[in-house]
């Protein structure tokens, strides 16, 4: 049987090589699906917010015909939310992971701190600061960032976080008729019930005992509800 295809819009990462760590928890789907990650920072033009999401809408319009489901992690999920109107008549499964509807004050403060560190050429400290929130309530694993091109990595992090900071999808989420599943961590320090709006159409679930990395922190719960969404 030919496998179906899932397009995965990735979170803001300092380097495309980090994407493998994002999509590896989706391996449980590989009996039925092939996973196709798309770097959410493949568009980094210095353009207004509306123009940025227009470019993404043009890109996704082509992909809608080619893929059977669409997943978005954090910034990747923000992009999908901004392009919800494209999916109105497709009825293709959409799953979002830890995607803010808007940046509330605590999220703004945390992300702006990371951006400032990147701008001050303190990439290692910026990533350490960011990952403390991403991995919470778990410890950040030991990892080296020495292989990174610091200026390019900082530019990627800054660009993605600034797009998140400037984007408010509240009106879209409250009015869109696009069905989707959205998973946020019960203990997330970044994306939580304070900056995620209950959708007009769709299912918002708090994943028990999980932080930002819901698939890693509670795989059994997430895998069950993802399969349900894909087979609905």
N, C-alpha and C. Protein backbone atom coordinates (compact mmCIF):
# COMPACT_ATOMS: atom_id res chain seq x y z
N UNK A 1 0.84 -1.19 0.00
CA UNK A 1 0.00 0.00 0.00
C UNK A 1 0.88 1.25 0.00
N UNK A 2 0.55 2.18 -0.87
CA UNK A 2 1.32 3.42 -0.94
C UNK A 2 1.10 4.25 0.32
N UNK A 3 2.19 4.71 0.89
CA UNK A 3 2.08 5.51 2.11
C UNK A 3 1.57 6.91 1.81
N UNK A 4 0.82 7.46 2.75
CA UNK A 4 0.41 8.85 2.67
C UNK A 4 1.58 9.74 3.11
N UNK A 5 1.44 11.03 2.86
CA UNK A 5 2.54 11.96 3.13
C UNK A 5 2.10 13.07 4.09
N UNK A 6 2.96 13.35 5.06
CA UNK A 6 2.72 14.45 6.00
C UNK A 6 3.78 15.52 5.79
N UNK A 7 3.33 16.76 5.59
CA UNK A 7 4.25 17.89 5.53
C UNK A 7 4.36 18.49 6.93
N UNK A 8 5.59 18.61 7.41
CA UNK A 8 5.83 19.11 8.76
C UNK A 8 6.56 20.45 8.68
N UNK A 9 5.90 21.51 9.14
CA UNK A 9 6.56 22.81 9.25
C UNK A 9 7.26 22.89 10.60
N UNK A 10 8.54 23.11 10.56
CA UNK A 10 9.39 22.96 11.74
C UNK A 10 9.38 24.22 12.60
N UNK A 11 9.86 24.12 13.83
CA UNK A 11 10.00 25.31 14.67
C UNK A 11 11.21 26.13 14.25
N UNK A 12 11.38 27.26 14.89
CA UNK A 12 12.56 28.10 14.71
C UNK A 12 13.78 27.33 15.23
N UNK A 13 14.73 27.03 14.36
CA UNK A 13 15.94 26.31 14.76
C UNK A 13 17.17 27.11 14.34
N UNK A 14 18.28 26.97 15.08
CA UNK A 14 19.50 27.70 14.71
C UNK A 14 20.18 27.17 13.46
N UNK A 15 19.83 25.94 13.07
CA UNK A 15 20.46 25.33 11.90
C UNK A 15 19.52 24.23 11.38
N UNK A 16 19.42 24.04 10.07
CA UNK A 16 18.54 22.99 9.55
C UNK A 16 18.85 21.59 10.07
N UNK A 17 20.09 21.36 10.50
CA UNK A 17 20.45 20.04 11.01
C UNK A 17 19.68 19.68 12.27
N UNK A 18 19.14 20.67 12.97
CA UNK A 18 18.38 20.42 14.20
C UNK A 18 17.00 19.85 13.90
N UNK A 19 16.58 19.93 12.65
CA UNK A 19 15.22 19.51 12.30
C UNK A 19 15.01 18.03 12.55
N UNK A 20 16.05 17.23 12.36
CA UNK A 20 15.93 15.79 12.58
C UNK A 20 15.48 15.48 14.00
N UNK A 21 15.96 16.26 14.98
CA UNK A 21 15.56 16.03 16.37
C UNK A 21 14.08 16.36 16.58
N UNK A 22 13.57 17.27 15.76
CA UNK A 22 12.16 17.66 15.88
C UNK A 22 11.25 16.57 15.34
N UNK A 23 11.60 16.02 14.19
CA UNK A 23 10.69 15.08 13.53
C UNK A 23 10.90 13.63 13.97
N UNK A 24 12.00 13.33 14.64
CA UNK A 24 12.25 11.93 15.03
C UNK A 24 11.15 11.33 15.90
N UNK A 25 10.47 12.10 16.79
CA UNK A 25 9.38 11.50 17.57
C UNK A 25 8.16 11.12 16.73
N UNK A 26 8.15 11.49 15.46
CA UNK A 26 7.03 11.12 14.59
C UNK A 26 7.26 9.77 13.91
N UNK A 27 8.33 9.08 14.28
CA UNK A 27 8.66 7.80 13.66
C UNK A 27 7.55 6.77 13.85
N UNK A 28 6.71 6.94 14.88
CA UNK A 28 5.63 5.97 15.13
C UNK A 28 4.60 5.96 13.99
N UNK A 29 4.62 6.96 13.14
CA UNK A 29 3.67 7.06 12.03
C UNK A 29 4.16 6.39 10.75
N UNK A 30 5.40 5.92 10.74
CA UNK A 30 6.05 5.58 9.48
C UNK A 30 5.52 4.32 8.81
N UNK A 31 4.70 3.53 9.49
CA UNK A 31 4.08 2.39 8.82
C UNK A 31 3.05 2.86 7.79
N UNK A 32 2.43 3.99 8.05
CA UNK A 32 1.38 4.49 7.17
C UNK A 32 1.75 5.79 6.45
N UNK A 33 2.72 6.53 6.99
CA UNK A 33 3.02 7.85 6.45
C UNK A 33 4.52 8.04 6.23
N UNK A 34 4.85 8.84 5.24
CA UNK A 34 6.21 9.35 5.13
C UNK A 34 6.21 10.79 5.64
N UNK A 35 7.26 11.15 6.34
CA UNK A 35 7.36 12.45 6.99
C UNK A 35 8.26 13.36 6.16
N UNK A 36 7.75 14.54 5.81
CA UNK A 36 8.50 15.47 4.97
C UNK A 36 8.64 16.81 5.69
N UNK A 37 9.75 17.03 6.38
CA UNK A 37 9.93 18.32 7.08
C UNK A 37 10.24 19.45 6.11
N UNK A 38 9.71 20.61 6.43
CA UNK A 38 9.98 21.83 5.67
C UNK A 38 10.47 22.89 6.64
N UNK A 39 11.66 23.39 6.41
CA UNK A 39 12.27 24.39 7.28
C UNK A 39 11.42 25.66 7.30
N UNK A 40 10.91 26.02 8.47
CA UNK A 40 10.07 27.22 8.57
C UNK A 40 10.85 28.50 8.31
N UNK A 41 12.17 28.39 8.25
CA UNK A 41 13.02 29.55 7.96
C UNK A 41 13.57 29.51 6.54
N UNK A 42 12.89 28.78 5.66
CA UNK A 42 13.31 28.79 4.25
C UNK A 42 12.94 30.11 3.59
N UNK A 43 12.06 30.88 4.24
CA UNK A 43 11.76 32.25 3.81
C UNK A 43 12.24 33.18 4.92
N UNK A 44 13.22 34.01 4.62
CA UNK A 44 13.75 34.94 5.62
C UNK A 44 13.92 36.34 5.04
N UNK A 45 13.04 36.71 4.13
CA UNK A 45 13.12 38.05 3.54
C UNK A 45 12.78 39.12 4.56
N UNK A 46 13.39 40.27 4.41
CA UNK A 46 13.10 41.42 5.27
C UNK A 46 11.89 42.15 4.70
N UNK A 47 10.72 41.62 5.01
CA UNK A 47 9.47 42.14 4.46
C UNK A 47 8.44 42.25 5.58
N UNK A 48 7.38 43.04 5.37
CA UNK A 48 6.35 43.16 6.40
C UNK A 48 5.67 41.83 6.70
N UNK A 49 5.04 41.76 7.85
CA UNK A 49 4.38 40.53 8.29
C UNK A 49 3.38 40.02 7.26
N UNK A 50 2.55 40.91 6.73
CA UNK A 50 1.52 40.48 5.78
C UNK A 50 2.14 39.88 4.52
N UNK A 51 3.23 40.46 4.06
CA UNK A 51 3.92 39.95 2.87
C UNK A 51 4.56 38.60 3.15
N UNK A 52 5.09 38.46 4.36
CA UNK A 52 5.72 37.19 4.75
C UNK A 52 4.71 36.05 4.70
N UNK A 53 3.55 36.24 5.30
CA UNK A 53 2.56 35.17 5.32
C UNK A 53 1.90 34.98 3.95
N UNK A 54 1.91 36.02 3.12
CA UNK A 54 1.43 35.86 1.75
C UNK A 54 2.36 34.92 0.97
N UNK A 55 3.66 35.07 1.17
CA UNK A 55 4.61 34.17 0.52
C UNK A 55 4.39 32.73 0.97
N UNK A 56 4.14 32.56 2.28
CA UNK A 56 3.88 31.21 2.78
C UNK A 56 2.57 30.65 2.23
N UNK A 57 1.57 31.50 2.09
CA UNK A 57 0.30 31.04 1.52
C UNK A 57 0.50 30.55 0.09
N UNK A 58 1.32 31.26 -0.68
CA UNK A 58 1.60 30.82 -2.05
C UNK A 58 2.29 29.47 -2.06
N UNK A 59 3.24 29.29 -1.14
CA UNK A 59 3.97 28.03 -1.06
C UNK A 59 3.05 26.88 -0.63
N UNK A 60 2.27 27.12 0.41
CA UNK A 60 1.40 26.05 0.92
C UNK A 60 0.28 25.70 -0.05
N UNK A 61 -0.15 26.66 -0.83
CA UNK A 61 -1.20 26.40 -1.82
C UNK A 61 -0.75 25.30 -2.78
N UNK A 62 0.52 25.29 -3.12
CA UNK A 62 1.06 24.24 -3.99
C UNK A 62 1.14 22.91 -3.26
N UNK A 63 1.49 22.95 -1.97
CA UNK A 63 1.69 21.72 -1.21
C UNK A 63 0.38 21.04 -0.82
N UNK A 64 -0.70 21.79 -0.73
CA UNK A 64 -1.97 21.21 -0.28
C UNK A 64 -2.39 20.03 -1.16
N UNK A 65 -2.13 20.13 -2.44
CA UNK A 65 -2.51 19.06 -3.36
C UNK A 65 -1.58 17.86 -3.25
N UNK A 66 -0.40 18.06 -2.71
CA UNK A 66 0.63 17.01 -2.72
C UNK A 66 0.70 16.20 -1.43
N UNK A 67 0.14 16.74 -0.34
CA UNK A 67 0.28 16.09 0.97
C UNK A 67 -1.08 15.75 1.56
N UNK A 68 -1.08 14.73 2.42
CA UNK A 68 -2.33 14.21 3.00
C UNK A 68 -2.62 14.77 4.38
N UNK A 69 -1.62 15.32 5.04
CA UNK A 69 -1.80 15.91 6.37
C UNK A 69 -0.71 16.95 6.58
N UNK A 70 -0.97 17.86 7.52
CA UNK A 70 -0.05 18.98 7.77
C UNK A 70 0.17 19.14 9.27
N UNK A 71 1.43 19.11 9.67
CA UNK A 71 1.81 19.30 11.07
C UNK A 71 2.62 20.59 11.18
N UNK A 72 2.44 21.30 12.30
CA UNK A 72 3.22 22.51 12.53
C UNK A 72 3.71 22.58 13.96
N UNK A 73 5.01 22.73 14.13
CA UNK A 73 5.62 22.84 15.45
C UNK A 73 5.96 24.31 15.74
N UNK A 74 5.37 24.86 16.78
CA UNK A 74 5.68 26.22 17.25
C UNK A 74 5.60 27.24 16.11
N UNK A 75 6.74 27.81 15.68
CA UNK A 75 6.71 28.80 14.61
C UNK A 75 6.07 28.22 13.34
N UNK A 76 6.36 26.95 13.07
CA UNK A 76 5.72 26.30 11.92
C UNK A 76 4.21 26.26 12.07
N UNK A 77 3.74 26.07 13.31
CA UNK A 77 2.31 26.10 13.57
C UNK A 77 1.71 27.48 13.40
N UNK A 78 2.48 28.50 13.78
CA UNK A 78 2.02 29.89 13.58
C UNK A 78 1.79 30.15 12.10
N UNK A 79 2.70 29.68 11.27
CA UNK A 79 2.55 29.85 9.82
C UNK A 79 1.28 29.17 9.33
N UNK A 80 1.03 27.94 9.78
CA UNK A 80 -0.18 27.23 9.35
C UNK A 80 -1.42 27.97 9.81
N UNK A 81 -1.43 28.45 11.06
CA UNK A 81 -2.59 29.21 11.55
C UNK A 81 -2.86 30.42 10.66
N UNK A 82 -1.82 31.13 10.29
CA UNK A 82 -1.99 32.31 9.47
C UNK A 82 -2.50 31.97 8.06
N UNK A 83 -2.34 30.71 7.68
CA UNK A 83 -2.78 30.26 6.35
C UNK A 83 -4.00 29.34 6.43
N UNK A 84 -4.72 29.36 7.55
CA UNK A 84 -5.87 28.48 7.73
C UNK A 84 -6.87 28.58 6.58
N UNK A 85 -7.05 29.76 6.01
CA UNK A 85 -8.07 29.93 4.96
C UNK A 85 -7.83 29.02 3.77
N UNK A 86 -6.58 28.62 3.54
CA UNK A 86 -6.27 27.72 2.43
C UNK A 86 -6.85 26.34 2.63
N UNK A 87 -7.08 25.97 3.90
CA UNK A 87 -7.49 24.61 4.23
C UNK A 87 -9.00 24.46 4.42
N UNK A 88 -9.76 25.51 4.16
CA UNK A 88 -11.19 25.52 4.48
C UNK A 88 -11.93 24.35 3.85
N UNK A 89 -11.61 24.02 2.61
CA UNK A 89 -12.37 22.99 1.90
C UNK A 89 -11.57 21.70 1.69
N UNK A 90 -10.41 21.59 2.31
CA UNK A 90 -9.57 20.42 2.05
C UNK A 90 -9.92 19.23 2.93
N UNK A 91 -10.31 19.50 4.17
CA UNK A 91 -10.59 18.45 5.16
C UNK A 91 -9.40 17.52 5.37
N UNK A 92 -8.21 18.04 5.17
CA UNK A 92 -7.01 17.25 5.45
C UNK A 92 -6.60 17.49 6.90
N UNK A 93 -6.16 16.43 7.59
CA UNK A 93 -5.81 16.58 9.01
C UNK A 93 -4.71 17.61 9.23
N UNK A 94 -4.89 18.42 10.26
CA UNK A 94 -3.89 19.40 10.68
C UNK A 94 -3.63 19.18 12.16
N UNK A 95 -2.37 19.07 12.53
CA UNK A 95 -1.99 18.94 13.94
C UNK A 95 -0.95 20.01 14.25
N UNK A 96 -1.23 20.80 15.28
CA UNK A 96 -0.31 21.83 15.74
C UNK A 96 0.30 21.42 17.08
N UNK A 97 1.55 21.76 17.27
CA UNK A 97 2.25 21.44 18.51
C UNK A 97 2.80 22.73 19.12
N UNK A 98 2.39 23.03 20.35
CA UNK A 98 2.95 24.15 21.11
C UNK A 98 3.05 25.42 20.26
N UNK A 99 1.91 25.82 19.74
CA UNK A 99 1.84 26.97 18.83
C UNK A 99 1.11 28.13 19.51
N UNK A 100 1.77 29.23 19.79
CA UNK A 100 1.08 30.35 20.43
C UNK A 100 0.10 31.02 19.47
N UNK A 101 -1.06 31.42 20.00
CA UNK A 101 -1.98 32.23 19.22
C UNK A 101 -1.45 33.66 19.14
N UNK A 102 -0.89 34.11 20.24
CA UNK A 102 -0.29 35.44 20.32
C UNK A 102 0.79 35.38 21.39
N UNK A 103 1.62 36.39 21.45
CA UNK A 103 2.67 36.45 22.47
C UNK A 103 2.18 37.29 23.64
N UNK A 104 1.88 36.64 24.75
CA UNK A 104 1.51 37.39 25.95
C UNK A 104 2.79 37.94 26.60
N UNK A 105 2.64 38.71 27.66
CA UNK A 105 3.81 39.39 28.25
C UNK A 105 4.89 38.41 28.70
N UNK A 106 4.56 37.32 29.43
CA UNK A 106 5.63 36.39 29.82
C UNK A 106 6.36 35.78 28.62
N UNK A 107 5.62 35.42 27.58
CA UNK A 107 6.27 34.86 26.39
C UNK A 107 7.13 35.92 25.70
N UNK A 108 6.60 37.13 25.59
CA UNK A 108 7.38 38.22 24.99
C UNK A 108 8.69 38.43 25.74
N UNK A 109 8.61 38.47 27.05
CA UNK A 109 9.82 38.72 27.85
C UNK A 109 10.86 37.64 27.62
N UNK A 110 10.43 36.39 27.59
CA UNK A 110 11.37 35.28 27.40
C UNK A 110 12.00 35.32 26.01
N UNK A 111 11.17 35.51 25.00
CA UNK A 111 11.70 35.50 23.63
C UNK A 111 12.55 36.73 23.34
N UNK A 112 12.16 37.88 23.87
CA UNK A 112 12.95 39.10 23.65
C UNK A 112 14.32 38.99 24.32
N UNK A 113 14.39 38.29 25.44
CA UNK A 113 15.69 38.07 26.08
C UNK A 113 16.60 37.26 25.18
N UNK A 114 16.05 36.22 24.55
CA UNK A 114 16.84 35.39 23.65
C UNK A 114 17.29 36.20 22.43
N UNK A 115 16.39 36.99 21.87
CA UNK A 115 16.72 37.83 20.72
C UNK A 115 17.85 38.80 21.08
N UNK A 116 17.76 39.42 22.24
CA UNK A 116 18.78 40.38 22.67
C UNK A 116 20.14 39.71 22.81
N UNK A 117 20.17 38.52 23.37
CA UNK A 117 21.44 37.80 23.51
C UNK A 117 22.03 37.47 22.15
N UNK A 118 21.18 37.06 21.21
CA UNK A 118 21.66 36.79 19.85
C UNK A 118 22.23 38.06 19.22
N UNK A 119 21.55 39.16 19.41
CA UNK A 119 22.01 40.43 18.84
C UNK A 119 23.33 40.88 19.45
N UNK A 120 23.57 40.46 20.69
CA UNK A 120 24.82 40.80 21.38
C UNK A 120 25.91 39.76 21.17
N UNK A 121 25.69 38.89 20.18
CA UNK A 121 26.66 37.86 19.80
C UNK A 121 26.95 36.88 20.93
N UNK A 122 25.93 36.59 21.70
CA UNK A 122 26.04 35.60 22.78
C UNK A 122 25.14 34.41 22.44
N UNK A 123 25.46 33.77 21.33
CA UNK A 123 24.58 32.71 20.82
C UNK A 123 24.46 31.55 21.80
N UNK A 124 25.58 31.09 22.36
CA UNK A 124 25.52 29.96 23.28
C UNK A 124 24.61 30.26 24.46
N UNK A 125 24.74 31.44 25.04
CA UNK A 125 23.89 31.81 26.16
C UNK A 125 22.43 31.96 25.71
N UNK A 126 22.23 32.47 24.51
CA UNK A 126 20.88 32.61 23.97
C UNK A 126 20.20 31.26 23.85
N UNK A 127 20.92 30.28 23.28
CA UNK A 127 20.34 28.95 23.11
C UNK A 127 20.13 28.27 24.45
N UNK A 128 21.08 28.44 25.37
CA UNK A 128 20.92 27.88 26.70
C UNK A 128 19.68 28.45 27.38
N UNK A 129 19.49 29.75 27.26
CA UNK A 129 18.32 30.40 27.86
C UNK A 129 17.03 29.90 27.23
N UNK A 130 17.01 29.81 25.91
CA UNK A 130 15.82 29.34 25.20
C UNK A 130 15.49 27.90 25.56
N UNK A 131 16.52 27.05 25.54
CA UNK A 131 16.26 25.63 25.76
C UNK A 131 15.89 25.30 27.20
N UNK A 132 16.28 26.14 28.14
CA UNK A 132 15.81 25.95 29.52
C UNK A 132 14.29 26.00 29.58
N UNK A 133 13.70 26.89 28.78
CA UNK A 133 12.25 26.99 28.73
C UNK A 133 11.64 25.87 27.87
N UNK A 134 12.30 25.55 26.78
CA UNK A 134 11.78 24.53 25.87
C UNK A 134 11.73 23.16 26.55
N UNK A 135 12.79 22.83 27.29
CA UNK A 135 12.87 21.50 27.89
C UNK A 135 12.16 21.40 29.24
N UNK A 136 11.86 22.52 29.88
CA UNK A 136 11.19 22.50 31.18
C UNK A 136 9.93 21.64 31.10
N UNK A 137 9.65 20.79 32.11
CA UNK A 137 10.28 20.68 33.42
C UNK A 137 11.49 19.74 33.47
N UNK A 138 12.01 19.35 32.31
CA UNK A 138 13.18 18.48 32.27
C UNK A 138 14.45 19.31 32.13
N UNK A 139 15.56 18.70 32.46
CA UNK A 139 16.85 19.37 32.32
C UNK A 139 17.25 19.43 30.85
N UNK A 140 17.99 20.45 30.49
CA UNK A 140 18.49 20.57 29.12
C UNK A 140 19.63 19.56 28.94
N UNK A 141 19.56 18.70 27.93
CA UNK A 141 20.64 17.72 27.74
C UNK A 141 21.93 18.41 27.31
N UNK A 142 23.03 17.77 27.60
CA UNK A 142 24.31 18.31 27.16
C UNK A 142 24.38 18.27 25.64
N UNK A 143 24.65 19.38 25.03
CA UNK A 143 24.76 19.43 23.58
C UNK A 143 25.73 20.54 23.18
N UNK A 144 26.47 20.25 22.13
CA UNK A 144 27.44 21.23 21.64
C UNK A 144 26.87 21.99 20.45
N UNK A 145 27.09 23.29 20.45
CA UNK A 145 26.69 24.11 19.32
C UNK A 145 27.91 24.65 18.58
N UNK A 146 29.07 24.02 18.84
CA UNK A 146 30.32 24.54 18.29
C UNK A 146 30.37 24.48 16.77
N UNK A 147 29.60 23.57 16.18
CA UNK A 147 29.65 23.41 14.73
C UNK A 147 28.87 24.50 13.99
N UNK A 148 28.11 25.29 14.73
CA UNK A 148 27.25 26.29 14.11
C UNK A 148 28.05 27.46 13.55
N UNK A 149 27.56 28.00 12.47
CA UNK A 149 28.01 29.32 12.02
C UNK A 149 27.24 30.32 12.88
N UNK A 150 27.94 30.95 13.82
CA UNK A 150 27.25 31.74 14.83
C UNK A 150 26.39 32.87 14.26
N UNK A 151 26.90 33.56 13.26
CA UNK A 151 26.14 34.69 12.72
C UNK A 151 24.88 34.20 12.00
N UNK A 152 25.01 33.12 11.23
CA UNK A 152 23.84 32.58 10.53
C UNK A 152 22.83 32.00 11.51
N UNK A 153 23.32 31.29 12.54
CA UNK A 153 22.43 30.70 13.53
C UNK A 153 21.68 31.79 14.29
N UNK A 154 22.40 32.84 14.69
CA UNK A 154 21.75 33.94 15.40
C UNK A 154 20.70 34.61 14.53
N UNK A 155 21.01 34.78 13.25
CA UNK A 155 20.07 35.41 12.33
C UNK A 155 18.79 34.57 12.21
N UNK A 156 18.93 33.25 12.15
CA UNK A 156 17.77 32.37 12.06
C UNK A 156 16.91 32.49 13.32
N UNK A 157 17.55 32.40 14.48
CA UNK A 157 16.80 32.46 15.73
C UNK A 157 16.08 33.80 15.86
N UNK A 158 16.78 34.88 15.58
CA UNK A 158 16.19 36.22 15.68
C UNK A 158 15.00 36.35 14.74
N UNK A 159 15.17 35.91 13.51
CA UNK A 159 14.11 36.08 12.52
C UNK A 159 12.84 35.33 12.94
N UNK A 160 13.01 34.06 13.32
CA UNK A 160 11.84 33.27 13.70
C UNK A 160 11.15 33.79 14.94
N UNK A 161 11.93 34.13 15.96
CA UNK A 161 11.32 34.61 17.20
C UNK A 161 10.63 35.96 17.00
N UNK A 162 11.23 36.82 16.19
CA UNK A 162 10.59 38.12 15.93
C UNK A 162 9.27 37.95 15.19
N UNK A 163 9.19 36.98 14.28
CA UNK A 163 7.93 36.73 13.59
C UNK A 163 6.87 36.23 14.58
N UNK A 164 7.27 35.38 15.50
CA UNK A 164 6.33 34.92 16.53
C UNK A 164 5.86 36.10 17.38
N UNK A 165 6.80 36.95 17.76
CA UNK A 165 6.47 38.09 18.63
C UNK A 165 5.49 39.05 17.97
N UNK A 166 5.56 39.21 16.66
CA UNK A 166 4.73 40.20 15.98
C UNK A 166 3.40 39.64 15.48
N UNK A 167 3.19 38.33 15.62
CA UNK A 167 2.01 37.70 15.02
C UNK A 167 0.94 37.43 16.06
N UNK A 168 -0.26 37.89 15.78
CA UNK A 168 -1.43 37.62 16.62
C UNK A 168 -2.49 36.95 15.75
N UNK A 169 -2.73 35.67 16.01
CA UNK A 169 -3.68 34.88 15.22
C UNK A 169 -5.04 34.75 15.89
N UNK A 170 -5.31 35.58 16.91
CA UNK A 170 -6.53 35.44 17.70
C UNK A 170 -7.78 35.46 16.84
N UNK A 171 -7.91 36.45 15.97
CA UNK A 171 -9.13 36.56 15.16
C UNK A 171 -9.29 35.38 14.23
N UNK A 172 -8.18 34.87 13.71
CA UNK A 172 -8.23 33.70 12.82
C UNK A 172 -8.70 32.47 13.59
N UNK A 173 -8.09 32.22 14.73
CA UNK A 173 -8.41 31.02 15.51
C UNK A 173 -9.85 31.06 16.01
N UNK A 174 -10.34 32.25 16.35
CA UNK A 174 -11.69 32.38 16.89
C UNK A 174 -12.78 32.29 15.82
N UNK A 175 -12.42 32.45 14.57
CA UNK A 175 -13.44 32.45 13.52
C UNK A 175 -13.27 31.35 12.48
N UNK A 176 -12.09 30.76 12.39
CA UNK A 176 -11.83 29.77 11.34
C UNK A 176 -12.69 28.52 11.53
N UNK A 177 -13.13 27.96 10.43
CA UNK A 177 -13.90 26.71 10.45
C UNK A 177 -13.03 25.50 10.13
N UNK A 178 -11.72 25.69 10.13
CA UNK A 178 -10.80 24.60 9.80
C UNK A 178 -10.60 23.69 11.01
N UNK A 179 -10.93 22.43 10.84
CA UNK A 179 -10.73 21.47 11.92
C UNK A 179 -9.24 21.20 12.10
N UNK A 180 -8.83 21.10 13.35
CA UNK A 180 -7.43 20.80 13.62
C UNK A 180 -7.30 20.33 15.07
N UNK A 181 -6.19 19.67 15.34
CA UNK A 181 -5.83 19.27 16.69
C UNK A 181 -4.63 20.10 17.12
N UNK A 182 -4.70 20.64 18.33
CA UNK A 182 -3.59 21.45 18.85
C UNK A 182 -3.20 20.90 20.22
N UNK A 183 -1.94 20.51 20.36
CA UNK A 183 -1.42 19.95 21.60
C UNK A 183 -0.47 20.93 22.26
N UNK A 184 -0.76 21.29 23.51
CA UNK A 184 0.14 22.14 24.29
C UNK A 184 0.46 21.42 25.60
N UNK A 185 1.62 21.69 26.16
CA UNK A 185 2.05 21.00 27.37
C UNK A 185 1.44 21.60 28.63
N UNK A 186 1.01 20.75 29.52
CA UNK A 186 0.42 21.19 30.79
C UNK A 186 1.38 22.07 31.57
N UNK A 187 2.69 21.78 31.48
CA UNK A 187 3.67 22.51 32.28
C UNK A 187 4.57 23.42 31.44
N UNK A 188 4.16 23.72 30.22
CA UNK A 188 5.03 24.51 29.34
C UNK A 188 5.28 25.91 29.88
N UNK A 189 6.53 26.33 29.84
CA UNK A 189 6.93 27.67 30.26
C UNK A 189 6.74 28.70 29.15
N UNK A 190 6.48 28.23 27.94
CA UNK A 190 6.41 29.14 26.80
C UNK A 190 4.99 29.23 26.23
N UNK A 191 4.49 28.11 25.73
CA UNK A 191 3.17 28.09 25.08
C UNK A 191 2.20 27.36 25.99
N UNK A 192 1.19 28.09 26.46
CA UNK A 192 0.25 27.53 27.43
C UNK A 192 -1.12 28.20 27.29
N UNK A 193 -2.01 27.89 28.21
CA UNK A 193 -3.39 28.40 28.12
C UNK A 193 -3.47 29.92 28.18
N UNK A 194 -2.39 30.58 28.61
CA UNK A 194 -2.40 32.04 28.69
C UNK A 194 -2.16 32.72 27.35
N UNK A 195 -1.59 31.99 26.39
CA UNK A 195 -1.34 32.59 25.08
C UNK A 195 -1.85 31.73 23.92
N UNK A 196 -2.72 30.78 24.25
CA UNK A 196 -3.37 29.96 23.23
C UNK A 196 -4.88 30.11 23.38
N UNK A 197 -5.53 30.52 22.32
CA UNK A 197 -6.98 30.76 22.33
C UNK A 197 -7.71 29.47 21.97
N UNK A 198 -8.81 29.21 22.67
CA UNK A 198 -9.66 28.08 22.33
C UNK A 198 -10.21 28.28 20.92
N UNK A 199 -9.99 27.33 20.01
CA UNK A 199 -10.43 27.53 18.63
C UNK A 199 -11.94 27.40 18.47
N UNK A 200 -12.48 28.15 17.49
CA UNK A 200 -13.90 28.02 17.17
C UNK A 200 -14.20 26.64 16.62
N UNK A 201 -13.30 26.14 15.80
CA UNK A 201 -13.43 24.80 15.23
C UNK A 201 -12.09 24.11 15.42
N UNK A 202 -12.10 23.00 16.11
CA UNK A 202 -10.84 22.32 16.37
C UNK A 202 -10.78 21.87 17.81
N UNK A 203 -9.75 21.12 18.14
CA UNK A 203 -9.60 20.55 19.47
C UNK A 203 -8.27 21.00 20.07
N UNK A 204 -8.35 21.67 21.20
CA UNK A 204 -7.16 22.09 21.95
C UNK A 204 -7.03 21.19 23.17
N UNK A 205 -5.90 20.51 23.28
CA UNK A 205 -5.67 19.59 24.39
C UNK A 205 -4.40 19.98 25.14
N UNK A 206 -4.50 19.98 26.48
CA UNK A 206 -3.31 20.11 27.31
C UNK A 206 -2.75 18.72 27.57
N UNK A 207 -1.54 18.49 27.17
CA UNK A 207 -0.91 17.18 27.33
C UNK A 207 -0.42 17.05 28.77
N UNK A 208 -0.92 16.06 29.50
CA UNK A 208 -0.51 15.92 30.91
C UNK A 208 0.99 15.68 31.05
N UNK A 209 1.55 16.23 32.11
CA UNK A 209 2.95 16.00 32.47
C UNK A 209 3.91 16.32 31.33
N UNK A 210 3.60 17.35 30.55
CA UNK A 210 4.46 17.70 29.42
C UNK A 210 4.78 19.19 29.43
N UNK A 211 5.97 19.51 28.90
CA UNK A 211 6.34 20.89 28.66
C UNK A 211 6.11 21.23 27.20
N UNK A 212 7.01 22.01 26.61
CA UNK A 212 6.89 22.37 25.19
C UNK A 212 6.99 21.15 24.28
N UNK A 213 7.84 20.21 24.64
CA UNK A 213 8.14 19.07 23.78
C UNK A 213 7.15 17.95 24.08
N UNK A 214 5.91 18.15 23.69
CA UNK A 214 4.83 17.25 24.12
C UNK A 214 5.05 15.82 23.64
N UNK A 215 5.55 15.65 22.44
CA UNK A 215 5.75 14.30 21.90
C UNK A 215 6.85 13.55 22.65
N UNK A 216 7.83 14.26 23.13
CA UNK A 216 8.91 13.64 23.90
C UNK A 216 8.49 13.39 25.35
N UNK A 217 7.74 14.33 25.92
CA UNK A 217 7.41 14.26 27.34
C UNK A 217 6.28 13.28 27.65
N UNK A 218 5.35 13.12 26.73
CA UNK A 218 4.24 12.19 26.95
C UNK A 218 3.86 11.54 25.62
N UNK A 219 4.73 10.65 25.13
CA UNK A 219 4.52 10.08 23.80
C UNK A 219 3.24 9.26 23.69
N UNK A 220 2.91 8.49 24.73
CA UNK A 220 1.72 7.62 24.64
C UNK A 220 0.46 8.45 24.42
N UNK A 221 0.30 9.49 25.22
CA UNK A 221 -0.89 10.35 25.09
C UNK A 221 -0.94 10.99 23.70
N UNK A 222 0.18 11.56 23.28
CA UNK A 222 0.21 12.27 22.00
C UNK A 222 -0.01 11.33 20.82
N UNK A 223 0.64 10.18 20.85
CA UNK A 223 0.48 9.25 19.74
C UNK A 223 -0.96 8.81 19.58
N UNK A 224 -1.63 8.58 20.70
CA UNK A 224 -3.03 8.14 20.65
C UNK A 224 -3.92 9.18 19.99
N UNK A 225 -3.81 10.43 20.43
CA UNK A 225 -4.70 11.47 19.89
C UNK A 225 -4.31 11.86 18.46
N UNK A 226 -3.04 11.74 18.11
CA UNK A 226 -2.63 12.03 16.74
C UNK A 226 -3.19 10.99 15.78
N UNK A 227 -3.12 9.72 16.17
CA UNK A 227 -3.72 8.68 15.33
C UNK A 227 -5.21 8.93 15.16
N UNK A 228 -5.88 9.32 16.23
CA UNK A 228 -7.31 9.60 16.14
C UNK A 228 -7.59 10.74 15.17
N UNK A 229 -6.75 11.77 15.21
CA UNK A 229 -6.94 12.91 14.31
C UNK A 229 -6.70 12.51 12.85
N UNK A 230 -5.71 11.68 12.62
CA UNK A 230 -5.39 11.26 11.26
C UNK A 230 -6.45 10.34 10.68
N UNK A 231 -7.12 9.58 11.53
CA UNK A 231 -8.11 8.61 11.06
C UNK A 231 -9.54 9.12 11.18
N UNK A 232 -9.70 10.36 11.61
CA UNK A 232 -11.06 10.92 11.80
C UNK A 232 -11.78 11.05 10.45
